[in-house]
Amino acid sequence: MGRPLLQRSPMPGLGLSMGITLTMLSIVVLLPIGALLLRGASFGLGNMWEVVNRPRVWSALFLSFRLSLLAAVFNLVFGVLLAWVLVRYRFPGRRILDAAVDLPFALPTAVAGIALTALYAPNGAFGSLAREVGVKIAYTQWGILIALIFVGLPFVARTVQPVIEEIEREVEEASATLGASRFYTLRHVILPMLAPAALTGFALALARAVGEYGSVIFIAGNIPLLTEIAPLLIVIQLEEFNYDGAAAIGIAMLLISFAMLLAINLIQIWSRRRIGHV
């Protein structure tokens, strides 16, 4: 018998692939983070803590991460529902709605901020309606939340949508045949399948919201201790040529973001193990 033919991968060899991957990863991710940490190390932990440990900085950090988390939770729920509707239902205008989901990806953030401000300002189309019931949206934390929801929604919808397309209807029909209610099927059959992808979309939406700047500054009002976000403080420090101060605030955001993403990844691992046991 002849020797079996080896199946060659269409990708290059391991050494070349690994080298290209590590090079690109270093240029795009590792070098910028390393430069930030190096700047902070040269500045000193004590000096960094002195910059961060101020009411204005803590208020901006708390505002950015709190509203980013709320926006990501909203997008997690609404994004899954939106993806489900786009996949499972056929209705007039579905293709237009499906294309509109990608609008925050294509629209420049500054343009999105100007458009949202024009809509939700007191004299805008939506802002005037809200003013009639005594609610102010633009230049408040509500405006920031709406902007963060706008930029983060596609991450959840587009991450979950392919998974929903792979779920066969026979699975739901089998569950119903066995006597399960619609809620039981949703809770114990559908959601476990969607959980890993939904958590991935949640993490992406959260990461996008935390660092969002262009679409927020126009609608936020940028009032210190009220509507001032952490990225704006970094920009202010850079404009004042205080690079060490900007690095200190950036490192604080990096550490908080890393802790939140680590928690999300641990939840993802737990959910996948749970699905595997089931």
Protein backbone atom coordinates (compact mmCIF):
# COMPACT_ATOMS: atom_id res chain seq x y z
CA MET A 1 0.00 0.00 0.00
CA GLY A 2 1.21 3.47 -0.79
CA ARG A 3 1.73 6.13 1.80
CA PRO A 4 -1.42 8.17 2.52
CA LEU A 5 -1.40 11.63 1.08
CA LEU A 6 -1.07 14.37 3.64
CA GLN A 7 -3.86 16.91 3.65
CA ARG A 8 -2.23 20.27 3.43
CA SER A 9 -3.90 23.26 5.02
CA PRO A 10 -4.65 26.24 2.77
CA MET A 11 -3.09 28.43 5.44
CA PRO A 12 0.69 28.96 5.58
CA GLY A 13 2.88 27.02 7.95
CA LEU A 14 2.68 27.37 11.71
CA GLY A 15 5.82 29.48 11.99
CA LEU A 16 4.81 31.98 9.34
CA SER A 17 1.21 32.18 10.59
CA MET A 18 2.32 32.63 14.18
CA GLY A 19 4.83 35.29 13.21
CA ILE A 20 2.29 37.32 11.22
CA THR A 21 -0.31 36.98 13.98
CA LEU A 22 2.02 38.06 16.77
CA THR A 23 3.38 40.94 14.69
CA MET A 24 -0.06 42.32 13.94
CA LEU A 25 -1.19 41.77 17.52
CA SER A 26 1.86 43.61 18.81
CA ILE A 27 1.42 46.57 16.48
CA VAL A 28 -2.32 46.98 17.01
CA VAL A 29 -2.77 46.00 20.68
CA LEU A 30 0.33 45.19 22.70
CA LEU A 31 2.55 48.14 21.75
CA PRO A 32 -0.06 50.86 22.50
CA ILE A 33 -0.97 49.24 25.83
CA GLY A 34 2.70 48.73 26.64
CA ALA A 35 3.48 52.37 25.85
CA LEU A 36 0.62 53.48 28.11
CA LEU A 37 1.79 51.29 30.98
CA LEU A 38 5.40 52.40 30.49
CA ARG A 39 4.33 56.05 30.64
CA GLY A 40 2.43 55.34 33.82
CA ALA A 41 5.36 53.47 35.37
CA SER A 42 7.67 56.39 34.66
CA PHE A 43 5.13 58.74 36.22
CA GLY A 44 4.92 56.68 39.41
CA LEU A 45 2.07 54.96 41.23
CA GLY A 46 1.81 57.73 43.80
CA ASN A 47 1.50 60.45 41.19
CA MET A 48 -1.02 58.43 39.19
CA TRP A 49 -3.14 57.90 42.28
CA GLU A 50 -2.99 61.62 43.00
CA VAL A 51 -4.34 62.34 39.51
CA VAL A 52 -7.10 59.71 39.67
CA ASN A 53 -8.14 60.28 43.29
CA ARG A 54 -10.09 63.44 42.59
CA PRO A 55 -13.86 63.94 42.73
CA ARG A 56 -14.02 65.05 39.11
CA VAL A 57 -12.13 61.99 37.85
CA TRP A 58 -14.05 59.52 40.01
CA SER A 59 -17.33 61.08 38.90
CA ALA A 60 -16.34 60.78 35.24
CA LEU A 61 -15.18 57.17 35.65
CA PHE A 62 -18.32 56.18 37.53
CA LEU A 63 -20.52 57.89 34.95
CA SER A 64 -18.77 56.28 31.97
CA PHE A 65 -18.78 52.74 33.31
CA ARG A 66 -22.23 52.92 34.90
CA LEU A 67 -23.95 54.19 31.76
CA SER A 68 -21.89 51.87 29.56
CA LEU A 69 -23.03 48.90 31.64
CA LEU A 70 -26.66 50.01 31.51
CA ALA A 71 -26.45 50.53 27.74
CA ALA A 72 -24.83 47.11 27.26
CA VAL A 73 -27.56 45.42 29.34
CA PHE A 74 -30.27 47.17 27.30
CA ASN A 75 -28.54 46.16 24.06
CA LEU A 76 -28.19 42.59 25.31
CA VAL A 77 -31.96 42.25 25.72
CA PHE A 78 -33.12 44.36 22.79
CA GLY A 79 -30.34 43.15 20.48
CA VAL A 80 -31.31 39.50 20.99
CA LEU A 81 -34.99 40.32 20.38
CA LEU A 82 -34.11 42.32 17.27
CA ALA A 83 -31.93 39.53 15.87
CA TRP A 84 -34.69 36.99 16.57
CA VAL A 85 -37.29 39.08 14.73
CA LEU A 86 -34.98 39.63 11.74
CA VAL A 87 -34.25 35.90 11.43
CA ARG A 88 -37.58 34.27 12.26
CA TYR A 89 -40.15 36.67 10.80
CA ARG A 90 -40.87 38.00 7.34
CA PHE A 91 -42.56 41.40 7.08
CA PRO A 92 -42.50 44.43 4.78
CA GLY A 93 -39.38 46.52 5.32
CA ARG A 94 -37.40 43.73 6.98
CA ARG A 95 -34.43 44.16 4.65
CA ILE A 96 -34.38 47.90 5.31
CA LEU A 97 -34.45 47.30 9.05
CA ASP A 98 -31.73 44.68 8.71
CA ALA A 99 -29.53 47.14 6.81
CA ALA A 100 -30.27 49.93 9.31
CA VAL A 101 -28.77 47.83 12.11
CA ASP A 102 -25.32 48.39 10.58
CA LEU A 103 -25.80 52.16 10.41
CA PRO A 104 -23.80 52.89 13.61
CA PHE A 105 -20.87 50.98 12.06
CA ALA A 106 -20.80 53.12 8.93
CA LEU A 107 -21.78 56.46 10.42
CA PRO A 108 -18.91 58.61 11.78
CA THR A 109 -19.30 59.03 15.52
CA ALA A 110 -19.24 62.84 15.30
CA VAL A 111 -22.05 62.77 12.74
CA ALA A 112 -24.01 60.40 14.98
CA GLY A 113 -23.53 62.75 17.94
CA ILE A 114 -24.71 65.77 15.96
CA ALA A 115 -27.74 63.86 14.65
CA LEU A 116 -28.72 62.61 18.10
CA THR A 117 -28.32 66.08 19.56
CA ALA A 118 -30.50 67.57 16.85
CA LEU A 119 -33.19 64.96 17.51
CA TYR A 120 -33.17 65.05 21.32
CA ALA A 121 -32.44 68.75 21.93
CA PRO A 122 -35.30 70.68 23.59
CA ASN A 123 -36.32 72.01 20.16
CA GLY A 124 -35.66 68.73 18.32
CA ALA A 125 -38.18 66.25 16.96
CA PHE A 126 -38.03 63.89 19.94
CA GLY A 127 -36.74 66.38 22.47
CA SER A 128 -39.74 68.67 22.03
CA LEU A 129 -42.09 65.76 22.68
CA ALA A 130 -40.17 64.83 25.81
CA ARG A 131 -40.19 68.43 26.97
CA GLU A 132 -43.98 68.45 26.87
CA VAL A 133 -44.06 65.74 29.53
CA GLY A 134 -41.36 67.42 31.59
CA VAL A 135 -38.38 65.29 30.52
CA LYS A 136 -35.08 66.66 29.26
CA ILE A 137 -32.89 64.27 27.29
CA ALA A 138 -30.10 66.19 25.56
CA TYR A 139 -27.32 67.53 27.80
CA THR A 140 -28.26 65.06 30.54
CA GLN A 141 -27.24 61.51 31.42
CA TRP A 142 -30.27 60.26 29.48
CA GLY A 143 -28.73 61.67 26.32
CA ILE A 144 -25.44 59.91 27.03
CA LEU A 145 -27.28 56.63 27.59
CA ILE A 146 -29.13 56.94 24.29
CA ALA A 147 -25.88 57.63 22.43
CA LEU A 148 -24.19 54.60 24.00
CA ILE A 149 -27.17 52.39 23.14
CA PHE A 150 -27.04 53.63 19.55
CA VAL A 151 -23.39 52.76 19.01
CA GLY A 152 -23.51 49.41 20.84
CA LEU A 153 -26.69 47.78 19.55
CA PRO A 154 -25.22 46.32 16.31
CA PHE A 155 -22.57 44.38 18.24
CA VAL A 156 -25.16 42.26 20.04
CA ALA A 157 -27.54 41.89 17.10
CA ARG A 158 -24.86 40.89 14.58
CA THR A 159 -23.17 38.50 17.03
CA VAL A 160 -26.37 36.66 17.92
CA GLN A 161 -27.99 36.65 14.48
CA PRO A 162 -25.86 33.84 12.91
CA VAL A 163 -26.47 31.63 15.95
CA ILE A 164 -30.23 32.09 15.67
CA GLU A 165 -30.05 31.16 11.98
CA GLU A 166 -28.39 27.86 12.93
CA ILE A 167 -31.05 26.92 15.49
CA GLU A 168 -33.43 24.55 13.74
CA ARG A 169 -37.14 24.89 14.31
CA GLU A 170 -37.32 21.15 14.91
CA VAL A 171 -35.66 21.72 18.28
CA GLU A 172 -38.51 23.95 19.40
CA GLU A 173 -41.08 21.58 17.92
CA ALA A 174 -39.53 18.62 19.74
CA SER A 175 -39.66 20.52 23.01
CA ALA A 176 -43.33 21.39 22.44
CA THR A 177 -44.09 17.77 21.50
CA LEU A 178 -42.68 16.64 24.84
CA GLY A 179 -45.12 18.94 26.60
CA ALA A 180 -42.84 21.88 27.40
CA SER A 181 -44.37 25.34 27.56
CA ARG A 182 -43.11 28.20 25.40
CA PHE A 183 -41.42 29.79 28.42
CA TYR A 184 -39.74 26.50 29.39
CA THR A 185 -38.49 26.05 25.83
CA LEU A 186 -37.14 29.58 25.78
CA ARG A 187 -35.51 29.24 29.19
CA HIS A 188 -34.00 25.76 28.89
CA VAL A 189 -33.53 25.24 25.13
CA ILE A 190 -33.13 28.52 23.26
CA LEU A 191 -31.35 30.79 25.76
CA PRO A 192 -28.57 28.27 26.60
CA MET A 193 -27.73 28.11 22.89
CA LEU A 194 -27.68 31.89 22.59
CA ALA A 195 -25.87 32.61 25.86
CA PRO A 196 -22.21 32.41 24.63
CA ALA A 197 -22.85 34.58 21.56
CA ALA A 198 -25.04 37.00 23.53
CA LEU A 199 -22.34 37.44 26.17
CA THR A 200 -19.76 38.05 23.45
CA GLY A 201 -21.96 40.75 21.93
CA PHE A 202 -22.53 42.18 25.42
CA ALA A 203 -18.77 42.42 25.98
CA LEU A 204 -18.23 44.10 22.61
CA ALA A 205 -21.03 46.60 23.23
CA LEU A 206 -19.66 47.36 26.69
CA ALA A 207 -16.13 47.87 25.40
CA ARG A 208 -17.37 50.17 22.62
CA ALA A 209 -19.47 52.22 25.03
CA VAL A 210 -16.69 52.68 27.60
CA GLY A 211 -14.35 54.25 25.07
CA GLU A 212 -16.97 56.15 23.06
CA TYR A 213 -16.22 59.83 22.60
CA GLY A 214 -17.44 61.37 19.34
CA SER A 215 -21.13 60.53 19.61
CA VAL A 216 -21.32 61.49 23.30
CA ILE A 217 -19.63 64.87 23.69
CA PHE A 218 -22.24 66.69 21.59
CA ILE A 219 -25.25 65.38 23.47
CA ALA A 220 -23.69 65.16 26.94
CA GLY A 221 -23.30 68.84 27.74
CA ASN A 222 -19.93 67.98 29.37
CA ILE A 223 -20.79 69.43 32.79
CA PRO A 224 -18.14 68.45 35.40
CA LEU A 225 -19.44 66.07 38.07
CA LEU A 226 -22.71 65.65 36.14
CA THR A 227 -22.34 64.74 32.45
CA GLU A 228 -18.59 64.64 31.91
CA ILE A 229 -17.27 61.30 30.63
CA ALA A 230 -13.83 59.85 31.32
CA PRO A 231 -12.60 59.92 27.68
CA LEU A 232 -13.27 63.67 27.63
CA LEU A 233 -11.03 64.11 30.67
CA ILE A 234 -8.24 62.33 28.80
CA VAL A 235 -8.69 64.64 25.82
CA ILE A 236 -8.62 67.67 28.14
CA GLN A 237 -5.36 66.47 29.68
CA LEU A 238 -3.84 65.97 26.24
CA GLU A 239 -4.90 69.45 25.12
CA GLU A 240 -3.16 70.84 28.19
CA PHE A 241 -0.03 68.79 27.29
CA ASN A 242 -0.39 66.86 30.55
CA TYR A 243 0.47 63.50 29.05
CA ASP A 244 1.19 61.90 32.42
CA GLY A 245 -2.25 62.85 33.70
CA ALA A 246 -3.87 61.49 30.55
CA ALA A 247 -1.92 58.25 30.95
CA ALA A 248 -3.00 57.94 34.59
CA ILE A 249 -6.70 58.25 33.71
CA GLY A 250 -6.23 55.91 30.75
CA ILE A 251 -4.61 53.27 32.95
CA ALA A 252 -7.48 53.55 35.44
CA MET A 253 -9.96 52.95 32.62
CA LEU A 254 -7.83 50.07 31.33
CA LEU A 255 -7.79 48.32 34.71
CA ILE A 256 -11.53 48.72 35.27
CA SER A 257 -12.28 47.53 31.73
CA PHE A 258 -10.00 44.53 32.14
CA ALA A 259 -11.74 43.55 35.38
CA MET A 260 -15.19 43.82 33.78
CA LEU A 261 -14.18 41.86 30.66
CA LEU A 262 -12.52 39.20 32.82
CA ALA A 263 -15.78 38.75 34.73
CA ILE A 264 -17.71 38.46 31.46
CA ASN A 265 -15.26 35.85 30.12
CA LEU A 266 -15.60 33.82 33.32
CA ILE A 267 -19.37 33.88 32.91
CA GLN A 268 -18.94 32.75 29.29
CA ILE A 269 -16.77 29.82 30.35
CA TRP A 270 -19.33 28.85 32.99
CA SER A 271 -22.21 29.01 30.52
CA ARG A 272 -20.37 26.88 27.95
CA ARG A 273 -19.54 24.25 30.55
CA ARG A 274 -23.16 24.22 31.63
CA ILE A 275 -24.29 23.69 28.05
CA GLY A 276 -21.75 20.89 27.67
CA HIS A 277 -23.05 19.11 30.76
CA VAL A 278 -26.60 19.44 29.52
